[in-house]
Amino acid sequence: MSFLGIVACQIGTAFASRTEHASRAKVGVASNPLLLWGIAFEVCFAALVVTVPVLRQIFGTVMPQWHQVLWLLPLPFIVWGCDEAWRWHRRRTPGSVATRSPAEVPQ
């Protein structure tokens, strides 16, 4: 479950790290097809690691029960949501890097 939790949180991080200042609404979810393919590969690989007996033995994993997998579903949204809230706060805070013009940001 720790491995799957890390994978789930990395999905949220991948979506959150696509932009430093703009919100998700401006960037869109499907604007980067390679990211979507990467996430699909990551989910498939993680599923194989915990379900295929040979891979379970190699990686030392066990197959989680369905109710345990349900606990993983909100994790990407929590990570992504926290990052989105932080960006929202930075855009509305006077003097933050997100509200400065490019000429004002120190290099």
N, C-alpha and C. Protein backbone atom coordinates (compact mmCIF):
# COMPACT_ATOMS: atom_id res chain seq x y z
N MET A 1 0.83 -1.19 0.00
CA MET A 1 0.00 0.00 0.00
C MET A 1 0.86 1.25 0.00
N SER A 2 2.02 1.19 0.64
CA SER A 2 2.91 2.36 0.61
C SER A 2 3.36 2.65 -0.80
N PHE A 3 3.75 1.61 -1.53
CA PHE A 3 4.16 1.78 -2.92
C PHE A 3 3.03 2.37 -3.75
N LEU A 4 1.83 1.82 -3.62
CA LEU A 4 0.70 2.32 -4.39
C LEU A 4 0.31 3.73 -3.96
N GLY A 5 0.47 4.05 -2.68
CA GLY A 5 0.21 5.40 -2.21
C GLY A 5 1.17 6.41 -2.82
N ILE A 6 2.44 6.02 -2.93
CA ILE A 6 3.43 6.90 -3.55
C ILE A 6 3.09 7.10 -5.02
N VAL A 7 2.72 6.03 -5.71
CA VAL A 7 2.34 6.14 -7.12
C VAL A 7 1.14 7.08 -7.27
N ALA A 8 0.14 6.92 -6.42
CA ALA A 8 -1.06 7.76 -6.50
C ALA A 8 -0.71 9.23 -6.25
N CYS A 9 0.13 9.50 -5.26
CA CYS A 9 0.52 10.89 -4.97
C CYS A 9 1.36 11.47 -6.10
N GLN A 10 2.17 10.65 -6.75
CA GLN A 10 2.98 11.14 -7.86
C GLN A 10 2.11 11.54 -9.05
N ILE A 11 0.96 10.92 -9.21
CA ILE A 11 0.04 11.34 -10.26
C ILE A 11 -0.44 12.75 -9.98
N GLY A 12 -0.81 13.03 -8.74
CA GLY A 12 -1.21 14.40 -8.38
C GLY A 12 -0.08 15.39 -8.55
N THR A 13 1.13 14.97 -8.19
CA THR A 13 2.30 15.84 -8.34
C THR A 13 2.58 16.12 -9.80
N ALA A 14 2.42 15.12 -10.66
CA ALA A 14 2.68 15.31 -12.09
C ALA A 14 1.73 16.35 -12.67
N PHE A 15 0.47 16.29 -12.32
CA PHE A 15 -0.48 17.28 -12.81
C PHE A 15 -0.20 18.66 -12.20
N ALA A 16 0.17 18.68 -10.94
CA ALA A 16 0.41 19.96 -10.27
C ALA A 16 1.66 20.65 -10.77
N SER A 17 2.67 19.89 -11.18
CA SER A 17 3.95 20.50 -11.54
C SER A 17 4.01 20.99 -12.99
N ARG A 18 2.92 20.89 -13.72
CA ARG A 18 2.94 21.33 -15.11
C ARG A 18 3.07 22.84 -15.25
N THR A 19 2.70 23.57 -14.24
CA THR A 19 2.81 25.03 -14.28
C THR A 19 3.15 25.55 -12.90
N GLU A 20 3.82 26.67 -12.85
CA GLU A 20 4.21 27.22 -11.56
C GLU A 20 3.19 28.21 -11.01
N HIS A 21 2.52 28.94 -11.90
CA HIS A 21 1.61 29.99 -11.44
C HIS A 21 0.17 29.79 -11.90
N ALA A 22 -0.04 29.32 -13.12
CA ALA A 22 -1.38 29.23 -13.69
C ALA A 22 -2.19 28.13 -13.01
N SER A 23 -3.50 28.30 -13.02
CA SER A 23 -4.38 27.29 -12.41
C SER A 23 -4.65 26.17 -13.40
N ARG A 24 -5.21 25.10 -12.88
CA ARG A 24 -5.56 23.94 -13.70
C ARG A 24 -6.56 24.32 -14.77
N ALA A 25 -7.46 25.23 -14.45
CA ALA A 25 -8.48 25.64 -15.41
C ALA A 25 -7.86 26.27 -16.66
N LYS A 26 -6.75 26.98 -16.50
CA LYS A 26 -6.09 27.61 -17.64
C LYS A 26 -5.27 26.61 -18.44
N VAL A 27 -4.70 25.62 -17.78
CA VAL A 27 -3.81 24.66 -18.45
C VAL A 27 -4.60 23.51 -19.06
N GLY A 28 -5.60 23.01 -18.36
CA GLY A 28 -6.39 21.88 -18.84
C GLY A 28 -5.75 20.55 -18.47
N VAL A 29 -6.56 19.54 -18.36
CA VAL A 29 -6.09 18.22 -17.96
C VAL A 29 -5.43 17.48 -19.12
N ALA A 30 -5.98 17.61 -20.31
CA ALA A 30 -5.51 16.84 -21.46
C ALA A 30 -4.56 17.62 -22.35
N SER A 31 -3.99 18.70 -21.85
CA SER A 31 -3.12 19.52 -22.70
C SER A 31 -1.74 18.90 -22.93
N ASN A 32 -1.40 17.88 -22.18
CA ASN A 32 -0.10 17.22 -22.35
C ASN A 32 -0.32 15.72 -22.54
N PRO A 33 -0.46 15.26 -23.79
CA PRO A 33 -0.74 13.84 -24.02
C PRO A 33 0.37 12.91 -23.54
N LEU A 34 1.62 13.35 -23.59
CA LEU A 34 2.71 12.50 -23.09
C LEU A 34 2.59 12.26 -21.60
N LEU A 35 2.14 13.27 -20.87
CA LEU A 35 1.93 13.10 -19.43
C LEU A 35 0.85 12.06 -19.18
N LEU A 36 -0.22 12.12 -19.95
CA LEU A 36 -1.31 11.15 -19.78
C LEU A 36 -0.84 9.74 -20.10
N TRP A 37 -0.01 9.57 -21.15
CA TRP A 37 0.55 8.26 -21.46
C TRP A 37 1.48 7.79 -20.34
N GLY A 38 2.26 8.69 -19.80
CA GLY A 38 3.16 8.35 -18.70
C GLY A 38 2.40 7.89 -17.47
N ILE A 39 1.30 8.58 -17.17
CA ILE A 39 0.49 8.19 -16.02
C ILE A 39 -0.17 6.84 -16.27
N ALA A 40 -0.66 6.62 -17.49
CA ALA A 40 -1.26 5.32 -17.82
C ALA A 40 -0.23 4.20 -17.66
N PHE A 41 1.00 4.44 -18.13
CA PHE A 41 2.05 3.44 -17.97
C PHE A 41 2.34 3.20 -16.49
N GLU A 42 2.43 4.28 -15.72
CA GLU A 42 2.73 4.16 -14.29
C GLU A 42 1.67 3.34 -13.57
N VAL A 43 0.41 3.59 -13.87
CA VAL A 43 -0.69 2.86 -13.23
C VAL A 43 -0.67 1.39 -13.65
N CYS A 44 -0.46 1.13 -14.94
CA CYS A 44 -0.40 -0.26 -15.42
C CYS A 44 0.78 -1.01 -14.80
N PHE A 45 1.94 -0.35 -14.75
CA PHE A 45 3.11 -1.00 -14.16
C PHE A 45 2.88 -1.30 -12.68
N ALA A 46 2.33 -0.34 -11.96
CA ALA A 46 2.06 -0.56 -10.53
C ALA A 46 1.06 -1.69 -10.34
N ALA A 47 0.04 -1.75 -11.21
CA ALA A 47 -0.94 -2.83 -11.11
C ALA A 47 -0.28 -4.19 -11.38
N LEU A 48 0.62 -4.23 -12.34
CA LEU A 48 1.32 -5.48 -12.63
C LEU A 48 2.21 -5.91 -11.46
N VAL A 49 2.87 -4.95 -10.84
CA VAL A 49 3.79 -5.25 -9.73
C VAL A 49 3.06 -5.85 -8.54
N VAL A 50 1.80 -5.46 -8.34
CA VAL A 50 1.08 -5.99 -7.18
C VAL A 50 0.12 -7.13 -7.52
N THR A 51 -0.04 -7.47 -8.81
CA THR A 51 -0.97 -8.54 -9.15
C THR A 51 -0.31 -9.76 -9.78
N VAL A 52 0.76 -9.60 -10.55
CA VAL A 52 1.40 -10.73 -11.21
C VAL A 52 2.31 -11.45 -10.20
N PRO A 53 2.07 -12.75 -9.98
CA PRO A 53 2.83 -13.47 -8.95
C PRO A 53 4.35 -13.37 -9.07
N VAL A 54 4.89 -13.48 -10.27
CA VAL A 54 6.35 -13.41 -10.44
C VAL A 54 6.86 -12.02 -10.04
N LEU A 55 6.15 -10.98 -10.47
CA LEU A 55 6.56 -9.61 -10.12
C LEU A 55 6.36 -9.34 -8.63
N ARG A 56 5.31 -9.91 -8.06
CA ARG A 56 5.10 -9.74 -6.61
C ARG A 56 6.27 -10.34 -5.85
N GLN A 57 6.76 -11.47 -6.30
CA GLN A 57 7.89 -12.11 -5.62
C GLN A 57 9.17 -11.29 -5.81
N ILE A 58 9.39 -10.77 -7.01
CA ILE A 58 10.59 -9.97 -7.28
C ILE A 58 10.59 -8.69 -6.46
N PHE A 59 9.45 -8.00 -6.45
CA PHE A 59 9.38 -6.69 -5.78
C PHE A 59 8.94 -6.79 -4.32
N GLY A 60 8.53 -7.96 -3.87
CA GLY A 60 8.12 -8.14 -2.47
C GLY A 60 6.82 -7.44 -2.14
N THR A 61 5.87 -7.48 -3.06
CA THR A 61 4.57 -6.83 -2.83
C THR A 61 3.50 -7.88 -2.61
N VAL A 62 2.37 -7.43 -2.15
CA VAL A 62 1.18 -8.28 -2.02
C VAL A 62 0.02 -7.56 -2.70
N MET A 63 -0.97 -8.34 -3.11
CA MET A 63 -2.11 -7.75 -3.77
C MET A 63 -3.05 -7.15 -2.71
N PRO A 64 -3.35 -5.86 -2.84
CA PRO A 64 -4.26 -5.25 -1.86
C PRO A 64 -5.70 -5.69 -2.12
N GLN A 65 -6.51 -5.58 -1.09
CA GLN A 65 -7.93 -5.87 -1.23
C GLN A 65 -8.60 -4.65 -1.86
N TRP A 66 -9.77 -4.85 -2.43
CA TRP A 66 -10.43 -3.77 -3.16
C TRP A 66 -10.72 -2.56 -2.28
N HIS A 67 -11.07 -2.79 -1.02
CA HIS A 67 -11.38 -1.65 -0.15
C HIS A 67 -10.12 -0.85 0.20
N GLN A 68 -8.95 -1.50 0.15
CA GLN A 68 -7.71 -0.76 0.36
C GLN A 68 -7.39 0.12 -0.84
N VAL A 69 -7.67 -0.36 -2.03
CA VAL A 69 -7.43 0.42 -3.24
C VAL A 69 -8.31 1.67 -3.25
N LEU A 70 -9.50 1.57 -2.69
CA LEU A 70 -10.39 2.74 -2.63
C LEU A 70 -9.76 3.90 -1.85
N TRP A 71 -8.93 3.59 -0.86
CA TRP A 71 -8.26 4.63 -0.08
C TRP A 71 -7.23 5.39 -0.93
N LEU A 72 -6.78 4.78 -2.01
CA LEU A 72 -5.79 5.42 -2.88
C LEU A 72 -6.41 6.45 -3.82
N LEU A 73 -7.66 6.29 -4.16
CA LEU A 73 -8.30 7.13 -5.18
C LEU A 73 -8.26 8.64 -4.87
N PRO A 74 -8.47 9.07 -3.64
CA PRO A 74 -8.44 10.52 -3.41
C PRO A 74 -7.03 11.13 -3.33
N LEU A 75 -5.99 10.31 -3.21
CA LEU A 75 -4.65 10.86 -2.99
C LEU A 75 -4.17 11.81 -4.10
N PRO A 76 -4.31 11.47 -5.40
CA PRO A 76 -3.86 12.43 -6.41
C PRO A 76 -4.59 13.76 -6.32
N PHE A 77 -5.88 13.71 -6.00
CA PHE A 77 -6.67 14.93 -5.92
C PHE A 77 -6.29 15.77 -4.70
N ILE A 78 -5.91 15.11 -3.62
CA ILE A 78 -5.46 15.84 -2.42
C ILE A 78 -4.15 16.57 -2.71
N VAL A 79 -3.19 15.87 -3.32
CA VAL A 79 -1.90 16.49 -3.64
C VAL A 79 -2.10 17.64 -4.62
N TRP A 80 -2.84 17.36 -5.68
CA TRP A 80 -3.10 18.37 -6.71
C TRP A 80 -3.88 19.54 -6.12
N GLY A 81 -4.87 19.25 -5.30
CA GLY A 81 -5.67 20.31 -4.68
C GLY A 81 -4.86 21.19 -3.74
N CYS A 82 -3.97 20.60 -2.97
CA CYS A 82 -3.11 21.39 -2.08
C CYS A 82 -2.21 22.32 -2.89
N ASP A 83 -1.66 21.82 -3.97
CA ASP A 83 -0.82 22.65 -4.82
C ASP A 83 -1.64 23.75 -5.48
N GLU A 84 -2.84 23.43 -5.91
CA GLU A 84 -3.72 24.42 -6.53
C GLU A 84 -4.08 25.52 -5.52
N ALA A 85 -4.35 25.12 -4.28
CA ALA A 85 -4.67 26.10 -3.23
C ALA A 85 -3.47 27.00 -2.94
N TRP A 86 -2.28 26.43 -2.93
CA TRP A 86 -1.07 27.22 -2.71
C TRP A 86 -0.87 28.23 -3.83
N ARG A 87 -1.07 27.79 -5.07
CA ARG A 87 -0.93 28.72 -6.20
C ARG A 87 -1.98 29.81 -6.15
N TRP A 88 -3.21 29.46 -5.78
CA TRP A 88 -4.28 30.45 -5.66
C TRP A 88 -3.88 31.50 -4.62
N HIS A 89 -3.35 31.04 -3.50
CA HIS A 89 -2.91 31.95 -2.44
C HIS A 89 -1.79 32.86 -2.94
N ARG A 90 -0.81 32.31 -3.64
CA ARG A 90 0.32 33.10 -4.15
C ARG A 90 -0.13 34.13 -5.18
N ARG A 91 -1.13 33.77 -5.99
CA ARG A 91 -1.60 34.73 -6.99
C ARG A 91 -2.31 35.91 -6.34
N ARG A 92 -2.86 35.72 -5.17
CA ARG A 92 -3.63 36.77 -4.51
C ARG A 92 -2.87 37.48 -3.39
N THR A 93 -1.65 37.07 -3.12
CA THR A 93 -0.83 37.69 -2.08
C THR A 93 -0.01 38.82 -2.70
N PRO A 94 -0.22 40.05 -2.25
CA PRO A 94 0.55 41.16 -2.81
C PRO A 94 2.05 40.96 -2.55
N GLY A 95 2.85 41.21 -3.59
CA GLY A 95 4.30 41.11 -3.46
C GLY A 95 4.87 39.74 -3.68
N SER A 96 4.01 38.72 -3.88
CA SER A 96 4.57 37.38 -4.13
C SER A 96 5.09 37.30 -5.55
N VAL A 97 5.90 36.30 -5.81
CA VAL A 97 6.50 36.15 -7.14
C VAL A 97 5.40 36.00 -8.19
N ALA A 98 4.31 35.35 -7.85
CA ALA A 98 3.24 35.11 -8.81
C ALA A 98 2.53 36.41 -9.22
N THR A 99 2.56 37.45 -8.37
CA THR A 99 1.86 38.68 -8.70
C THR A 99 2.78 39.74 -9.27
N ARG A 100 4.07 39.50 -9.30
CA ARG A 100 5.01 40.47 -9.84
C ARG A 100 5.10 40.36 -11.35
N SER A 101 5.49 41.44 -11.98
CA SER A 101 5.74 41.39 -13.43
C SER A 101 7.10 40.71 -13.64
N PRO A 102 7.36 40.17 -14.82
CA PRO A 102 8.63 39.48 -15.05
C PRO A 102 9.85 40.36 -14.81
N ALA A 103 9.75 41.67 -14.99
CA ALA A 103 10.87 42.56 -14.77
C ALA A 103 11.21 42.70 -13.29
N GLU A 104 10.22 42.45 -12.42
CA GLU A 104 10.43 42.60 -10.97
C GLU A 104 11.00 41.36 -10.30
N VAL A 105 10.89 40.21 -10.95
CA VAL A 105 11.33 38.95 -10.34
C VAL A 105 12.84 38.86 -10.39
N PRO A 106 13.49 38.64 -9.23
CA PRO A 106 14.96 38.53 -9.22
C PRO A 106 15.42 37.29 -9.97
N GLN A 107 16.51 37.43 -10.71
CA GLN A 107 17.04 36.32 -11.51
C GLN A 107 17.99 35.51 -10.71
